[in-house]
C-alpha cells in the first residue's frame, strides 16, 4: 500500500488519532495531509453528533462544514 497517513477511530469515545507516515516511521498529526484542510476535530464532532442525530442530518452538516473550510 502506498499510504501517507492512517487514522485510528475510537467510536466509543468519538476520538480520531491520525498519523503521517514518513522516513520509515510515523508521527501524530492534527490535520489531514491527504485531505487538506480537513481538521480531525470536525470528524470527531461528527462522530459525537451521530449519537443523537440522524445520518442524513449528519451528512448535510458535515458537507456544509467542509464547504465552509474552503471559503
PDB file of N, CA and C in Angstrom:
ATOM      1  N   UNK A   1       0.826  -1.190   0.000  1.00  0.00           N
ATOM      2  CA  UNK A   1       0.000   0.000   0.000  1.00  0.00           C
ATOM      3  C   UNK A   1       0.867   1.249   0.000  1.00  0.00           C
ATOM      4  N   UNK A   2       0.483   2.174  -0.823  1.00  0.00           N
ATOM      5  CA  UNK A   2       1.184   3.453  -0.860  1.00  0.00           C
ATOM      6  C   UNK A   2       0.346   4.462  -0.080  1.00  0.00           C
ATOM      7  N   UNK A   3       0.495   4.446   1.222  1.00  0.00           N
ATOM      8  CA  UNK A   3      -0.353   5.227   2.120  1.00  0.00           C
ATOM      9  C   UNK A   3       0.514   6.244   2.859  1.00  0.00           C
ATOM     10  N   UNK A   4       0.088   7.514   2.848  1.00  0.00           N
ATOM     11  CA  UNK A   4       0.894   8.534   3.518  1.00  0.00           C
ATOM     12  C   UNK A   4       0.360   8.915   4.899  1.00  0.00           C
ATOM     13  N   UNK A   5      -0.844   8.464   5.225  1.00  0.00           N
ATOM     14  CA  UNK A   5      -1.360   8.675   6.571  1.00  0.00           C
ATOM     15  C   UNK A   5      -2.389   7.604   6.889  1.00  0.00           C
ATOM     16  N   UNK A   6      -2.592   7.377   8.178  1.00  0.00           N
ATOM     17  CA  UNK A   6      -3.635   6.445   8.589  1.00  0.00           C
ATOM     18  C   UNK A   6      -4.340   6.995   9.815  1.00  0.00           C
ATOM     19  N   UNK A   7      -5.600   6.570   9.966  1.00  0.00           N
ATOM     20  CA  UNK A   7      -6.443   7.066  11.044  1.00  0.00           C
ATOM     21  C   UNK A   7      -6.880   5.910  11.916  1.00  0.00           C
ATOM     22  N   UNK A   8      -6.874   6.129  13.214  1.00  0.00           N
ATOM     23  CA  UNK A   8      -7.401   5.171  14.180  1.00  0.00           C
ATOM     24  C   UNK A   8      -8.629   5.836  14.799  1.00  0.00           C
ATOM     25  N   UNK A   9      -9.789   5.190  14.662  1.00  0.00           N
ATOM     26  CA  UNK A   9     -11.041   5.777  15.134  1.00  0.00           C
ATOM     27  C   UNK A   9     -11.583   4.957  16.298  1.00  0.00           C
ATOM     28  N   UNK A  10     -11.806   5.635  17.413  1.00  0.00           N
ATOM     29  CA  UNK A  10     -12.441   5.020  18.576  1.00  0.00           C
ATOM     30  C   UNK A  10     -13.875   5.543  18.614  1.00  0.00           C
ATOM     31  N   UNK A  11     -14.812   4.746  18.115  1.00  0.00           N
ATOM     32  CA  UNK A  11     -16.198   5.207  18.026  1.00  0.00           C
ATOM     33  C   UNK A  11     -16.869   5.310  19.393  1.00  0.00           C
ATOM     34  N   UNK A  12     -16.408   4.546  20.359  1.00  0.00           N
ATOM     35  CA  UNK A  12     -16.991   4.604  21.704  1.00  0.00           C
ATOM     36  C   UNK A  12     -16.758   5.982  22.326  1.00  0.00           C
ATOM     37  N   UNK A  13     -15.546   6.507  22.189  1.00  0.00           N
ATOM     38  CA  UNK A  13     -15.193   7.799  22.765  1.00  0.00           C
ATOM     39  C   UNK A  13     -15.198   8.931  21.747  1.00  0.00           C
ATOM     40  N   UNK A  14     -15.609   8.660  20.512  1.00  0.00           N
ATOM     41  CA  UNK A  14     -15.654   9.662  19.439  1.00  0.00           C
ATOM     42  C   UNK A  14     -14.306  10.360  19.294  1.00  0.00           C
ATOM     43  N   UNK A  15     -13.252   9.553  19.220  1.00  0.00           N
ATOM     44  CA  UNK A  15     -11.899  10.082  19.078  1.00  0.00           C
ATOM     45  C   UNK A  15     -11.271   9.566  17.793  1.00  0.00           C
ATOM     46  N   UNK A  16     -10.493  10.421  17.186  1.00  0.00           N
ATOM     47  CA  UNK A  16      -9.759  10.055  15.989  1.00  0.00           C
ATOM     48  C   UNK A  16      -8.299  10.422  16.212  1.00  0.00           C
ATOM     49  N   UNK A  17      -7.422   9.476  16.020  1.00  0.00           N
ATOM     50  CA  UNK A  17      -5.985   9.718  16.121  1.00  0.00           C
ATOM     51  C   UNK A  17      -5.414   9.420  14.746  1.00  0.00           C
ATOM     52  N   UNK A  18      -4.678  10.370  14.209  1.00  0.00           N
ATOM     53  CA  UNK A  18      -4.148  10.209  12.857  1.00  0.00           C
ATOM     54  C   UNK A  18      -2.630  10.294  12.873  1.00  0.00           C
ATOM     55  N   UNK A  19      -2.034   9.577  11.936  1.00  0.00           N
ATOM     56  CA  UNK A  19      -0.584   9.527  11.827  1.00  0.00           C
ATOM     57  C   UNK A  19      -0.164   9.727  10.382  1.00  0.00           C
ATOM     58  N   UNK A  20       0.891  10.495  10.195  1.00  0.00           N
ATOM     59  CA  UNK A  20       1.520  10.634   8.888  1.00  0.00           C
ATOM     60  C   UNK A  20       2.685   9.662   8.844  1.00  0.00           C
ATOM     61  N   UNK A  21       2.833   9.017   7.717  1.00  0.00           N
ATOM     62  CA  UNK A  21       3.914   8.048   7.538  1.00  0.00           C
ATOM     63  C   UNK A  21       5.010   8.712   6.715  1.00  0.00           C
ATOM     64  N   UNK A  22       6.222   8.732   7.259  1.00  0.00           N
ATOM     65  CA  UNK A  22       7.345   9.345   6.554  1.00  0.00           C
ATOM     66  C   UNK A  22       8.655   8.876   7.165  1.00  0.00           C
ATOM     67  N   UNK A  23       9.664   8.813   6.352  1.00  0.00           N
ATOM     68  CA  UNK A  23      11.024   8.488   6.791  1.00  0.00           C
ATOM     69  C   UNK A  23      11.085   7.208   7.618  1.00  0.00           C
ATOM     70  N   UNK A  24      10.360   6.197   7.204  1.00  0.00           N
ATOM     71  CA  UNK A  24      10.405   4.916   7.887  1.00  0.00           C
ATOM     72  C   UNK A  24       9.706   4.879   9.229  1.00  0.00           C
ATOM     73  N   UNK A  25       8.949   5.916   9.557  1.00  0.00           N
ATOM     74  CA  UNK A  25       8.226   5.951  10.823  1.00  0.00           C
ATOM     75  C   UNK A  25       6.913   6.686  10.661  1.00  0.00           C
ATOM     76  N   UNK A  26       6.329   7.065  11.777  1.00  0.00           N
ATOM     77  CA  UNK A  26       5.081   7.822  11.722  1.00  0.00           C
ATOM     78  C   UNK A  26       5.054   8.830  12.859  1.00  0.00           C
ATOM     79  N   UNK A  27       4.228   9.860  12.676  1.00  0.00           N
ATOM     80  CA  UNK A  27       4.064  10.881  13.712  1.00  0.00           C
ATOM     81  C   UNK A  27       2.603  11.298  13.745  1.00  0.00           C
ATOM     82  N   UNK A  28       2.129  11.666  14.919  1.00  0.00           N
ATOM     83  CA  UNK A  28       0.741  12.098  15.078  1.00  0.00           C
ATOM     84  C   UNK A  28       0.522  13.427  14.367  1.00  0.00           C
ATOM     85  N   UNK A  29      -0.643  13.583  13.745  1.00  0.00           N
ATOM     86  CA  UNK A  29      -0.998  14.828  13.066  1.00  0.00           C
ATOM     87  C   UNK A  29      -2.396  15.257  13.506  1.00  0.00           C
ATOM     88  N   UNK A  30      -2.676  16.562  13.436  1.00  0.00           N
ATOM     89  CA  UNK A  30      -3.981  17.099  13.832  1.00  0.00           C
ATOM     90  C   UNK A  30      -4.851  17.446  12.634  1.00  0.00           C
ATOM     91  N   UNK A  31      -4.253  17.498  11.447  1.00  0.00           N
ATOM     92  CA  UNK A  31      -4.983  17.852  10.236  1.00  0.00           C
ATOM     93  C   UNK A  31      -4.535  16.920   9.125  1.00  0.00           C
ATOM     94  N   UNK A  32      -5.472  16.496   8.307  1.00  0.00           N
ATOM     95  CA  UNK A  32      -5.146  15.584   7.222  1.00  0.00           C
ATOM     96  C   UNK A  32      -4.205  16.237   6.217  1.00  0.00           C
ATOM     97  N   UNK A  33      -3.192  15.497   5.817  1.00  0.00           N
ATOM     98  CA  UNK A  33      -2.303  15.955   4.759  1.00  0.00           C
ATOM     99  C   UNK A  33      -2.800  15.476   3.404  1.00  0.00           C
ATOM    100  N   UNK A  34      -3.654  14.459   3.425  1.00  0.00           N
ATOM    101  CA  UNK A  34      -4.219  13.906   2.200  1.00  0.00           C
ATOM    102  C   UNK A  34      -5.474  14.679   1.794  1.00  0.00           C
ATOM    103  N   UNK A  35      -6.249  15.116   2.785  1.00  0.00           N
ATOM    104  CA  UNK A  35      -7.495  15.849   2.543  1.00  0.00           C
ATOM    105  C   UNK A  35      -7.448  17.231   3.195  1.00  0.00           C
ATOM    106  N   UNK A  36      -6.485  18.066   2.792  1.00  0.00           N
ATOM    107  CA  UNK A  36      -6.402  19.385   3.409  1.00  0.00           C
ATOM    108  C   UNK A  36      -7.613  20.216   2.992  1.00  0.00           C
ATOM    109  N   UNK A  37      -8.076  21.100   3.775  1.00  0.00           N
ATOM    110  CA  UNK A  37      -7.663  21.449   5.134  1.00  0.00           C
ATOM    111  C   UNK A  37      -8.554  20.793   6.195  1.00  0.00           C
ATOM    112  N   UNK A  38      -8.841  19.521   6.061  1.00  0.00           N
ATOM    113  CA  UNK A  38      -9.781  18.829   6.943  1.00  0.00           C
ATOM    114  C   UNK A  38      -9.202  18.637   8.345  1.00  0.00           C
ATOM    115  N   UNK A  39      -9.769  19.320   9.355  1.00  0.00           N
ATOM    116  CA  UNK A  39      -9.315  19.096  10.731  1.00  0.00           C
ATOM    117  C   UNK A  39     -10.006  17.865  11.318  1.00  0.00           C
ATOM    118  N   UNK A  40      -9.280  17.068  12.021  1.00  0.00           N
ATOM    119  CA  UNK A  40      -9.851  15.860  12.603  1.00  0.00           C
ATOM    120  C   UNK A  40     -10.869  16.181  13.688  1.00  0.00           C
ATOM    121  N   UNK A  41     -10.760  17.337  14.285  1.00  0.00           N
ATOM    122  CA  UNK A  41     -11.754  17.739  15.286  1.00  0.00           C
ATOM    123  C   UNK A  41     -13.148  17.805  14.667  1.00  0.00           C
ATOM    124  N   UNK A  42     -13.232  18.137  13.392  1.00  0.00           N
ATOM    125  CA  UNK A  42     -14.519  18.163  12.698  1.00  0.00           C
ATOM    126  C   UNK A  42     -15.102  16.755  12.578  1.00  0.00           C
ATOM    127  N   UNK A  43     -14.271  15.791  12.277  1.00  0.00           N
ATOM    128  CA  UNK A  43     -14.734  14.409  12.185  1.00  0.00           C
ATOM    129  C   UNK A  43     -15.133  13.870  13.554  1.00  0.00           C
ATOM    130  N   UNK A  44     -14.399  14.266  14.586  1.00  0.00           N
ATOM    131  CA  UNK A  44     -14.764  13.850  15.944  1.00  0.00           C
ATOM    132  C   UNK A  44     -16.117  14.433  16.342  1.00  0.00           C
ATOM    133  N   UNK A  45     -16.358  15.678  15.958  1.00  0.00           N
ATOM    134  CA  UNK A  45     -17.657  16.289  16.243  1.00  0.00           C
ATOM    135  C   UNK A  45     -18.767  15.547  15.503  1.00  0.00           C
ATOM    136  N   UNK A  46     -18.509  15.135  14.278  1.00  0.00           N
ATOM    137  CA  UNK A  46     -19.500  14.358  13.523  1.00  0.00           C
ATOM    138  C   UNK A  46     -19.785  13.028  14.223  1.00  0.00           C
ATOM    139  N   UNK A  47     -18.752  12.392  14.756  1.00  0.00           N
ATOM    140  CA  UNK A  47     -18.956  11.144  15.498  1.00  0.00           C
ATOM    141  C   UNK A  47     -19.825  11.371  16.734  1.00  0.00           C
ATOM    142  N   UNK A  48     -19.580  12.465  17.442  1.00  0.00           N
ATOM    143  CA  UNK A  48     -20.383  12.779  18.627  1.00  0.00           C
ATOM    144  C   UNK A  48     -21.842  13.043  18.242  1.00  0.00           C
ATOM    145  N   UNK A  49     -22.038  13.781  17.160  1.00  0.00           N
ATOM    146  CA  UNK A  49     -23.391  14.107  16.712  1.00  0.00           C
ATOM    147  C   UNK A  49     -24.152  12.867  16.251  1.00  0.00           C
ATOM    148  N   UNK A  50     -23.453  11.859  15.798  1.00  0.00           N
ATOM    149  CA  UNK A  50     -24.100  10.626  15.334  1.00  0.00           C
ATOM    150  C   UNK A  50     -24.894   9.952  16.444  1.00  0.00           C
ATOM    151  N   UNK A  51     -24.551  10.230  17.666  1.00  0.00           N
ATOM    152  CA  UNK A  51     -25.239   9.601  18.800  1.00  0.00           C
ATOM    153  C   UNK A  51     -26.650  10.140  19.000  1.00  0.00           C
ATOM    154  N   UNK A  52     -26.885  11.363  18.532  1.00  0.00           N
ATOM    155  CA  UNK A  52     -28.179  11.999  18.792  1.00  0.00           C
ATOM    156  C   UNK A  52     -28.888  12.499  17.537  1.00  0.00           C
ATOM    157  N   UNK A  53     -28.247  12.375  16.389  1.00  0.00           N
ATOM    158  CA  UNK A  53     -28.784  12.940  15.153  1.00  0.00           C
ATOM    159  C   UNK A  53     -28.809  11.875  14.068  1.00  0.00           C
ATOM    160  N   UNK A  54     -29.781  11.959  13.182  1.00  0.00           N
ATOM    161  CA  UNK A  54     -29.880  11.011  12.080  1.00  0.00           C
ATOM    162  C   UNK A  54     -28.762  11.176  11.064  1.00  0.00           C
ATOM    163  N   UNK A  55     -28.486  10.116  10.336  1.00  0.00           N
ATOM    164  CA  UNK A  55     -27.382  10.128   9.373  1.00  0.00           C
ATOM    165  C   UNK A  55     -27.525  11.207   8.309  1.00  0.00           C
ATOM    166  N   UNK A  56     -28.709  11.367   7.748  1.00  0.00           N
ATOM    167  CA  UNK A  56     -28.868  12.366   6.686  1.00  0.00           C
ATOM    168  C   UNK A  56     -28.580  13.767   7.214  1.00  0.00           C
ATOM    169  N   UNK A  57     -28.963  14.046   8.459  1.00  0.00           N
ATOM    170  CA  UNK A  57     -28.662  15.346   9.054  1.00  0.00           C
ATOM    171  C   UNK A  57     -27.168  15.503   9.304  1.00  0.00           C
ATOM    172  N   UNK A  58     -26.522  14.437   9.733  1.00  0.00           N
ATOM    173  CA  UNK A  58     -25.070  14.470   9.949  1.00  0.00           C
ATOM    174  C   UNK A  58     -24.355  14.727   8.633  1.00  0.00           C
ATOM    175  N   UNK A  59     -24.758  14.014   7.575  1.00  0.00           N
ATOM    176  CA  UNK A  59     -24.122  14.201   6.269  1.00  0.00           C
ATOM    177  C   UNK A  59     -24.279  15.640   5.796  1.00  0.00           C
ATOM    178  N   UNK A  60     -25.486  16.191   5.921  1.00  0.00           N
ATOM    179  CA  UNK A  60     -25.721  17.574   5.497  1.00  0.00           C
ATOM    180  C   UNK A  60     -24.869  18.541   6.312  1.00  0.00           C
ATOM    181  N   UNK A  61     -24.808  18.320   7.635  1.00  0.00           N
ATOM    182  CA  UNK A  61     -23.999  19.185   8.495  1.00  0.00           C
ATOM    183  C   UNK A  61     -22.525  19.095   8.118  1.00  0.00           C
ATOM    184  N   UNK A  62     -22.035  17.878   7.918  1.00  0.00           N
ATOM    185  CA  UNK A  62     -20.623  17.686   7.604  1.00  0.00           C
ATOM    186  C   UNK A  62     -20.265  18.312   6.261  1.00  0.00           C
ATOM    187  N   UNK A  63     -21.118  18.146   5.266  1.00  0.00           N
ATOM    188  CA  UNK A  63     -20.871  18.755   3.954  1.00  0.00           C
ATOM    189  C   UNK A  63     -20.812  20.274   4.077  1.00  0.00           C
ATOM    190  N   UNK A  64     -21.736  20.865   4.825  1.00  0.00           N
ATOM    191  CA  UNK A  64     -21.718  22.326   4.978  1.00  0.00           C
ATOM    192  C   UNK A  64     -20.464  22.788   5.709  1.00  0.00           C
ATOM    193  N   UNK A  65     -20.023  22.025   6.706  1.00  0.00           N
ATOM    194  CA  UNK A  65     -18.801  22.380   7.435  1.00  0.00           C
ATOM    195  C   UNK A  65     -17.578  22.310   6.529  1.00  0.00           C
ATOM    196  N   UNK A  66     -17.518  21.294   5.696  1.00  0.00           N
ATOM    197  CA  UNK A  66     -16.388  21.147   4.773  1.00  0.00           C
ATOM    198  C   UNK A  66     -16.402  22.262   3.736  1.00  0.00           C
ATOM    199  N   UNK A  67     -17.582  22.634   3.249  1.00  0.00           N
ATOM    200  CA  UNK A  67     -17.678  23.748   2.301  1.00  0.00           C
ATOM    201  C   UNK A  67     -17.213  25.044   2.945  1.00  0.00           C
ATOM    202  N   UNK A  68     -17.518  25.235   4.226  1.00  0.00           N
ATOM    203  CA  UNK A  68     -17.075  26.437   4.933  1.00  0.00           C
ATOM    204  C   UNK A  68     -15.560  26.490   5.065  1.00  0.00           C
ATOM    205  N   UNK A  69     -14.903  25.342   5.096  1.00  0.00           N
ATOM    206  CA  UNK A  69     -13.439  25.311   5.186  1.00  0.00           C
ATOM    207  C   UNK A  69     -12.798  25.883   3.935  1.00  0.00           C
ATOM    208  N   UNK A  70     -13.459  25.732   2.813  1.00  0.00           N
ATOM    209  CA  UNK A  70     -12.915  26.200   1.529  1.00  0.00           C
ATOM    210  C   UNK A  70     -12.983  27.711   1.385  1.00  0.00           C
ATOM    211  N   UNK A  71     -13.861  28.346   2.142  1.00  0.00           N
ATOM    212  CA  UNK A  71     -14.056  29.797   2.000  1.00  0.00           C
ATOM    213  C   UNK A  71     -13.027  30.588   2.743  1.00  0.00           C
TER     214      UNK A  71
END
